[in-house]
PDB file of N, CA and C in Angstrom:
ATOM      1  N   MET A   1      28.336 -90.987  11.133  1.00  0.00           N
ATOM      2  CA  MET A   1      29.472 -90.200  11.587  1.00  0.00           C
ATOM      3  C   MET A   1      30.112 -90.904  12.774  1.00  0.00           C
ATOM      4  N   THR A   2      31.385 -91.098  12.663  1.00  0.00           N
ATOM      5  CA  THR A   2      32.136 -91.723  13.747  1.00  0.00           C
ATOM      6  C   THR A   2      32.785 -90.628  14.601  1.00  0.00           C
ATOM      7  N   PRO A   3      33.178 -90.964  15.821  1.00  0.00           N
ATOM      8  CA  PRO A   3      33.880 -89.971  16.651  1.00  0.00           C
ATOM      9  C   PRO A   3      35.140 -89.419  15.977  1.00  0.00           C
ATOM     10  N   LYS A   4      35.863 -90.273  15.258  1.00  0.00           N
ATOM     11  CA  LYS A   4      37.091 -89.806  14.594  1.00  0.00           C
ATOM     12  C   LYS A   4      36.776 -88.846  13.444  1.00  0.00           C
ATOM     13  N   ARG A   5      35.659 -89.041  12.773  1.00  0.00           N
ATOM     14  CA  ARG A   5      35.269 -88.107  11.704  1.00  0.00           C
ATOM     15  C   ARG A   5      34.861 -86.766  12.298  1.00  0.00           C
ATOM     16  N   TRP A   6      34.148 -86.783  13.423  1.00  0.00           N
ATOM     17  CA  TRP A   6      33.818 -85.520  14.099  1.00  0.00           C
ATOM     18  C   TRP A   6      35.106 -84.806  14.517  1.00  0.00           C
ATOM     19  N   GLN A   7      36.039 -85.552  15.057  1.00  0.00           N
ATOM     20  CA  GLN A   7      37.318 -84.961  15.486  1.00  0.00           C
ATOM     21  C   GLN A   7      38.047 -84.339  14.297  1.00  0.00           C
ATOM     22  N   LEU A   8      38.041 -85.034  13.165  1.00  0.00           N
ATOM     23  CA  LEU A   8      38.678 -84.517  11.957  1.00  0.00           C
ATOM     24  C   LEU A   8      38.025 -83.213  11.520  1.00  0.00           C
ATOM     25  N   LEU A   9      36.700 -83.180  11.501  1.00  0.00           N
ATOM     26  CA  LEU A   9      35.992 -81.953  11.117  1.00  0.00           C
ATOM     27  C   LEU A   9      36.301 -80.807  12.074  1.00  0.00           C
ATOM     28  N   ARG A  10      36.340 -81.088  13.368  1.00  0.00           N
ATOM     29  CA  ARG A  10      36.684 -80.030  14.344  1.00  0.00           C
ATOM     30  C   ARG A  10      38.104 -79.523  14.110  1.00  0.00           C
ATOM     31  N   ALA A  11      39.023 -80.422  13.782  1.00  0.00           N
ATOM     32  CA  ALA A  11      40.419 -80.025  13.540  1.00  0.00           C
ATOM     33  C   ALA A  11      40.541 -79.167  12.286  1.00  0.00           C
ATOM     34  N   MET A  12      39.687 -79.414  11.294  1.00  0.00           N
ATOM     35  CA  MET A  12      39.749 -78.677  10.033  1.00  0.00           C
ATOM     36  C   MET A  12      38.936 -77.384  10.049  1.00  0.00           C
ATOM     37  N   ALA A  13      37.985 -77.274  10.941  1.00  0.00           N
ATOM     38  CA  ALA A  13      37.050 -76.139  10.950  1.00  0.00           C
ATOM     39  C   ALA A  13      37.781 -74.806  11.021  1.00  0.00           C
ATOM     40  N   GLY A  14      37.446 -73.919  10.104  1.00  0.00           N
ATOM     41  CA  GLY A  14      37.996 -72.570  10.090  1.00  0.00           C
ATOM     42  C   GLY A  14      39.428 -72.463   9.620  1.00  0.00           C
ATOM     43  N   GLN A  15      39.995 -73.555   9.114  1.00  0.00           N
ATOM     44  CA  GLN A  15      41.408 -73.557   8.728  1.00  0.00           C
ATOM     45  C   GLN A  15      41.628 -73.365   7.231  1.00  0.00           C
ATOM     46  N   GLY A  16      40.554 -73.290   6.466  1.00  0.00           N
ATOM     47  CA  GLY A  16      40.691 -73.125   5.018  1.00  0.00           C
ATOM     48  C   GLY A  16      41.060 -74.431   4.341  1.00  0.00           C
ATOM     49  N   ALA A  17      41.380 -74.337   3.062  1.00  0.00           N
ATOM     50  CA  ALA A  17      41.729 -75.523   2.277  1.00  0.00           C
ATOM     51  C   ALA A  17      43.062 -76.086   2.741  1.00  0.00           C
ATOM     52  N   MET A  18      43.148 -77.410   2.728  1.00  0.00           N
ATOM     53  CA  MET A  18      44.388 -78.073   3.133  1.00  0.00           C
ATOM     54  C   MET A  18      44.512 -79.413   2.425  1.00  0.00           C
ATOM     55  N   SER A  19      45.709 -79.925   2.414  1.00  0.00           N
ATOM     56  CA  SER A  19      45.946 -81.253   1.858  1.00  0.00           C
ATOM     57  C   SER A  19      45.502 -82.306   2.877  1.00  0.00           C
ATOM     58  N   ILE A  20      45.421 -83.536   2.428  1.00  0.00           N
ATOM     59  CA  ILE A  20      45.109 -84.616   3.369  1.00  0.00           C
ATOM     60  C   ILE A  20      46.211 -84.702   4.418  1.00  0.00           C
ATOM     61  N   ARG A  21      47.450 -84.528   4.017  1.00  0.00           N
ATOM     62  CA  ARG A  21      48.561 -84.551   4.992  1.00  0.00           C
ATOM     63  C   ARG A  21      48.418 -83.421   6.014  1.00  0.00           C
ATOM     64  N   GLY A  22      47.943 -82.270   5.574  1.00  0.00           N
ATOM     65  CA  GLY A  22      47.682 -81.174   6.503  1.00  0.00           C
ATOM     66  C   GLY A  22      46.601 -81.550   7.499  1.00  0.00           C
ATOM     67  N   ALA A  23      45.563 -82.227   7.014  1.00  0.00           N
ATOM     68  CA  ALA A  23      44.493 -82.693   7.902  1.00  0.00           C
ATOM     69  C   ALA A  23      45.021 -83.736   8.873  1.00  0.00           C
ATOM     70  N   VAL A  24      45.916 -84.584   8.407  1.00  0.00           N
ATOM     71  CA  VAL A  24      46.541 -85.596   9.272  1.00  0.00           C
ATOM     72  C   VAL A  24      47.289 -84.909  10.412  1.00  0.00           C
ATOM     73  N   ARG A  25      48.071 -83.898  10.088  1.00  0.00           N
ATOM     74  CA  ARG A  25      48.834 -83.175  11.120  1.00  0.00           C
ATOM     75  C   ARG A  25      47.902 -82.489  12.108  1.00  0.00           C
ATOM     76  N   ARG A  26      46.862 -81.845  11.613  1.00  0.00           N
ATOM     77  CA  ARG A  26      45.926 -81.134  12.498  1.00  0.00           C
ATOM     78  C   ARG A  26      45.179 -82.093  13.411  1.00  0.00           C
ATOM     79  N   ALA A  27      44.787 -83.249  12.861  1.00  0.00           N
ATOM     80  CA  ALA A  27      44.003 -84.209  13.638  1.00  0.00           C
ATOM     81  C   ALA A  27      44.880 -85.102  14.514  1.00  0.00           C
ATOM     82  N   GLY A  28      46.179 -85.180  14.200  1.00  0.00           N
ATOM     83  CA  GLY A  28      47.074 -86.032  14.976  1.00  0.00           C
ATOM     84  C   GLY A  28      46.762 -87.512  14.793  1.00  0.00           C
ATOM     85  N   ARG A  29      46.387 -87.874  13.568  1.00  0.00           N
ATOM     86  CA  ARG A  29      46.021 -89.258  13.264  1.00  0.00           C
ATOM     87  C   ARG A  29      46.893 -89.807  12.145  1.00  0.00           C
ATOM     88  N   ASP A  30      46.711 -91.095  11.841  1.00  0.00           N
ATOM     89  CA  ASP A  30      47.490 -91.727  10.786  1.00  0.00           C
ATOM     90  C   ASP A  30      46.907 -91.383   9.407  1.00  0.00           C
ATOM     91  N   VAL A  31      47.768 -91.427   8.409  1.00  0.00           N
ATOM     92  CA  VAL A  31      47.388 -91.048   7.043  1.00  0.00           C
ATOM     93  C   VAL A  31      46.271 -91.936   6.507  1.00  0.00           C
ATOM     94  N   LYS A  32      46.402 -93.240   6.686  1.00  0.00           N
ATOM     95  CA  LYS A  32      45.415 -94.166   6.131  1.00  0.00           C
ATOM     96  C   LYS A  32      44.016 -93.903   6.691  1.00  0.00           C
ATOM     97  N   GLY A  33      43.916 -93.701   7.996  1.00  0.00           N
ATOM     98  CA  GLY A  33      42.616 -93.450   8.616  1.00  0.00           C
ATOM     99  C   GLY A  33      42.000 -92.146   8.155  1.00  0.00           C
ATOM    100  N   VAL A  34      42.802 -91.079   8.119  1.00  0.00           N
ATOM    101  CA  VAL A  34      42.297 -89.779   7.679  1.00  0.00           C
ATOM    102  C   VAL A  34      41.918 -89.833   6.201  1.00  0.00           C
ATOM    103  N   HIS A  35      42.720 -90.490   5.393  1.00  0.00           N
ATOM    104  CA  HIS A  35      42.433 -90.614   3.967  1.00  0.00           C
ATOM    105  C   HIS A  35      41.064 -91.262   3.764  1.00  0.00           C
ATOM    106  N   GLY A  36      40.809 -92.351   4.457  1.00  0.00           N
ATOM    107  CA  GLY A  36      39.511 -93.023   4.345  1.00  0.00           C
ATOM    108  C   GLY A  36      38.366 -92.141   4.809  1.00  0.00           C
ATOM    109  N   ASP A  37      38.564 -91.453   5.935  1.00  0.00           N
ATOM    110  CA  ASP A  37      37.520 -90.566   6.449  1.00  0.00           C
ATOM    111  C   ASP A  37      37.273 -89.391   5.513  1.00  0.00           C
ATOM    112  N   VAL A  38      38.319 -88.832   4.950  1.00  0.00           N
ATOM    113  CA  VAL A  38      38.163 -87.712   4.010  1.00  0.00           C
ATOM    114  C   VAL A  38      37.329 -88.145   2.815  1.00  0.00           C
ATOM    115  N   HIS A  39      37.612 -89.310   2.260  1.00  0.00           N
ATOM    116  CA  HIS A  39      36.848 -89.760   1.091  1.00  0.00           C
ATOM    117  C   HIS A  39      35.399 -90.060   1.457  1.00  0.00           C
ATOM    118  N   THR A  40      35.154 -90.581   2.631  1.00  0.00           N
ATOM    119  CA  THR A  40      33.781 -90.800   3.083  1.00  0.00           C
ATOM    120  C   THR A  40      33.057 -89.467   3.229  1.00  0.00           C
ATOM    121  N   LEU A  41      33.721 -88.476   3.808  1.00  0.00           N
ATOM    122  CA  LEU A  41      33.119 -87.152   4.000  1.00  0.00           C
ATOM    123  C   LEU A  41      32.944 -86.413   2.672  1.00  0.00           C
ATOM    124  N   LEU A  42      33.843 -86.624   1.722  1.00  0.00           N
ATOM    125  CA  LEU A  42      33.673 -86.063   0.383  1.00  0.00           C
ATOM    126  C   LEU A  42      32.443 -86.678  -0.285  1.00  0.00           C
ATOM    127  N   ASP A  43      32.311 -88.000  -0.203  1.00  0.00           N
ATOM    128  CA  ASP A  43      31.169 -88.689  -0.806  1.00  0.00           C
ATOM    129  C   ASP A  43      29.845 -88.231  -0.190  1.00  0.00           C
ATOM    130  N   ALA A  44      29.874 -87.892   1.109  1.00  0.00           N
ATOM    131  CA  ALA A  44      28.666 -87.444   1.803  1.00  0.00           C
ATOM    132  C   ALA A  44      28.371 -85.967   1.553  1.00  0.00           C
ATOM    133  N   GLY A  45      29.290 -85.243   0.919  1.00  0.00           N
ATOM    134  CA  GLY A  45      29.085 -83.828   0.645  1.00  0.00           C
ATOM    135  C   GLY A  45      29.414 -82.916   1.818  1.00  0.00           C
ATOM    136  N   ILE A  46      30.057 -83.461   2.834  1.00  0.00           N
ATOM    137  CA  ILE A  46      30.423 -82.652   4.004  1.00  0.00           C
ATOM    138  C   ILE A  46      31.731 -81.912   3.743  1.00  0.00           C
ATOM    139  N   LEU A  47      32.640 -82.543   3.029  1.00  0.00           N
ATOM    140  CA  LEU A  47      33.869 -81.891   2.578  1.00  0.00           C
ATOM    141  C   LEU A  47      33.774 -81.710   1.072  1.00  0.00           C
ATOM    142  N   GLU A  48      34.536 -80.747   0.563  1.00  0.00           N
ATOM    143  CA  GLU A  48      34.623 -80.524  -0.886  1.00  0.00           C
ATOM    144  C   GLU A  48      36.087 -80.368  -1.271  1.00  0.00           C
ATOM    145  N   ARG A  49      36.335 -80.479  -2.562  1.00  0.00           N
ATOM    146  CA  ARG A  49      37.670 -80.225  -3.109  1.00  0.00           C
ATOM    147  C   ARG A  49      37.718 -78.777  -3.591  1.00  0.00           C
ATOM    148  N   SER A  50      38.806 -78.104  -3.289  1.00  0.00           N
ATOM    149  CA  SER A  50      38.994 -76.743  -3.799  1.00  0.00           C
ATOM    150  C   SER A  50      39.515 -76.832  -5.231  1.00  0.00           C
ATOM    151  N   ALA A  51      39.654 -75.692  -5.884  1.00  0.00           N
ATOM    152  CA  ALA A  51      40.121 -75.654  -7.270  1.00  0.00           C
ATOM    153  C   ALA A  51      41.493 -76.304  -7.435  1.00  0.00           C
ATOM    154  N   ASP A  52      42.322 -76.237  -6.399  1.00  0.00           N
ATOM    155  CA  ASP A  52      43.662 -76.840  -6.471  1.00  0.00           C
ATOM    156  C   ASP A  52      43.703 -78.227  -5.834  1.00  0.00           C
ATOM    157  N   GLU A  53      42.515 -78.874  -5.729  1.00  0.00           N
ATOM    158  CA  GLU A  53      42.371 -80.254  -5.261  1.00  0.00           C
ATOM    159  C   GLU A  53      42.649 -80.465  -3.768  1.00  0.00           C
ATOM    160  N   GLN A  54      42.684 -79.379  -3.000  1.00  0.00           N
ATOM    161  CA  GLN A  54      42.798 -79.544  -1.558  1.00  0.00           C
ATOM    162  C   GLN A  54      41.403 -79.767  -0.989  1.00  0.00           C
ATOM    163  N   ILE A  55      41.331 -80.190   0.266  1.00  0.00           N
ATOM    164  CA  ILE A  55      40.031 -80.440   0.888  1.00  0.00           C
ATOM    165  C   ILE A  55      39.648 -79.250   1.759  1.00  0.00           C
ATOM    166  N   ILE A  56      38.342 -79.022   1.835  1.00  0.00           N
ATOM    167  CA  ILE A  56      37.855 -77.877   2.596  1.00  0.00           C
ATOM    168  C   ILE A  56      36.457 -78.173   3.128  1.00  0.00           C
ATOM    169  N   ILE A  57      36.151 -77.611   4.292  1.00  0.00           N
ATOM    170  CA  ILE A  57      34.784 -77.632   4.807  1.00  0.00           C
ATOM    171  C   ILE A  57      34.115 -76.383   4.237  1.00  0.00           C
ATOM    172  N   PRO A  58      33.102 -76.549   3.386  1.00  0.00           N
ATOM    173  CA  PRO A  58      32.515 -75.387   2.717  1.00  0.00           C
ATOM    174  C   PRO A  58      31.434 -74.671   3.525  1.00  0.00           C
ATOM    175  N   TYR A  59      31.378 -74.918   4.818  1.00  0.00           N
ATOM    176  CA  TYR A  59      30.323 -74.350   5.660  1.00  0.00           C
ATOM    177  C   TYR A  59      30.920 -73.558   6.812  1.00  0.00           C
ATOM    178  N   ASP A  60      30.204 -72.539   7.251  1.00  0.00           N
ATOM    179  CA  ASP A  60      30.606 -71.786   8.437  1.00  0.00           C
ATOM    180  C   ASP A  60      30.180 -72.498   9.712  1.00  0.00           C
ATOM    181  N   ALA A  61      29.112 -73.284   9.612  1.00  0.00           N
ATOM    182  CA  ALA A  61      28.601 -74.021  10.771  1.00  0.00           C
ATOM    183  C   ALA A  61      27.934 -75.299  10.275  1.00  0.00           C
ATOM    184  N   VAL A  62      27.889 -76.288  11.137  1.00  0.00           N
ATOM    185  CA  VAL A  62      27.204 -77.535  10.825  1.00  0.00           C
ATOM    186  C   VAL A  62      26.213 -77.810  11.947  1.00  0.00           C
ATOM    187  N   HIS A  63      24.963 -77.964  11.572  1.00  0.00           N
ATOM    188  CA  HIS A  63      23.914 -78.310  12.530  1.00  0.00           C
ATOM    189  C   HIS A  63      23.451 -79.720  12.216  1.00  0.00           C
ATOM    190  N   VAL A  64      23.421 -80.563  13.233  1.00  0.00           N
ATOM    191  CA  VAL A  64      23.009 -81.948  13.042  1.00  0.00           C
ATOM    192  C   VAL A  64      21.774 -82.209  13.889  1.00  0.00           C
ATOM    193  N   ASP A  65      20.762 -82.791  13.274  1.00  0.00           N
ATOM    194  CA  ASP A  65      19.526 -83.119  13.978  1.00  0.00           C
ATOM    195  C   ASP A  65      19.124 -84.532  13.554  1.00  0.00           C
ATOM    196  N   PHE A  66      19.248 -85.496  14.468  1.00  0.00           N
ATOM    197  CA  PHE A  66      18.911 -86.866  14.114  1.00  0.00           C
ATOM    198  C   PHE A  66      18.429 -87.631  15.340  1.00  0.00           C
ATOM    199  N   THR A  67      17.718 -88.717  15.093  1.00  0.00           N
ATOM    200  CA  THR A  67      17.244 -89.608  16.140  1.00  0.00           C
ATOM    201  C   THR A  67      18.201 -90.790  16.221  1.00  0.00           C
ATOM    202  N   LEU A  68      18.717 -91.065  17.403  1.00  0.00           N
ATOM    203  CA  LEU A  68      19.637 -92.197  17.555  1.00  0.00           C
ATOM    204  C   LEU A  68      18.903 -93.530  17.502  1.00  0.00           C
ATOM    205  N   PHE A  69      17.750 -93.603  18.155  1.00  0.00           N
ATOM    206  CA  PHE A  69      16.960 -94.829  18.100  1.00  0.00           C
ATOM    207  C   PHE A  69      15.532 -94.511  18.501  1.00  0.00           C
ATOM    208  N   LYS A  70      14.679 -95.421  18.192  1.00  0.00           N
ATOM    209  CA  LYS A  70      13.267 -95.276  18.544  1.00  0.00           C
ATOM    210  C   LYS A  70      12.800 -96.610  19.087  1.00  0.00           C
ATOM    211  N   ALA A  71      12.184 -96.608  20.240  1.00  0.00           N
ATOM    212  CA  ALA A  71      11.709 -97.847  20.842  1.00  0.00           C
ATOM    213  C   ALA A  71      10.644 -98.477  19.961  1.00  0.00           C
ATOM    214  N   ALA A  72      10.642 -99.790  19.913  1.00  0.00           N
ATOM    215  CA  ALA A  72       9.673-100.516  19.065  1.00  0.00           C
ATOM    216  C   ALA A  72       8.272-100.452  19.635  1.00  0.00           C
TER     217      ALA A  72
END
């Protein structure tokens, strides 16, 4: 997860289904960057497509638990 992907998810959270252009407007980013991030997030299962092919966060909350590094 990159900082821009986190920002995109925060911009989309609670907003319902939207087009990629809608996500671009909410995030205040360029189309190409958001398009790439959306497809990465779709592939990871974090975003989904709605019945009308818009993108949506299918969760009410996201909890992340991971280790950044471990000393050798």
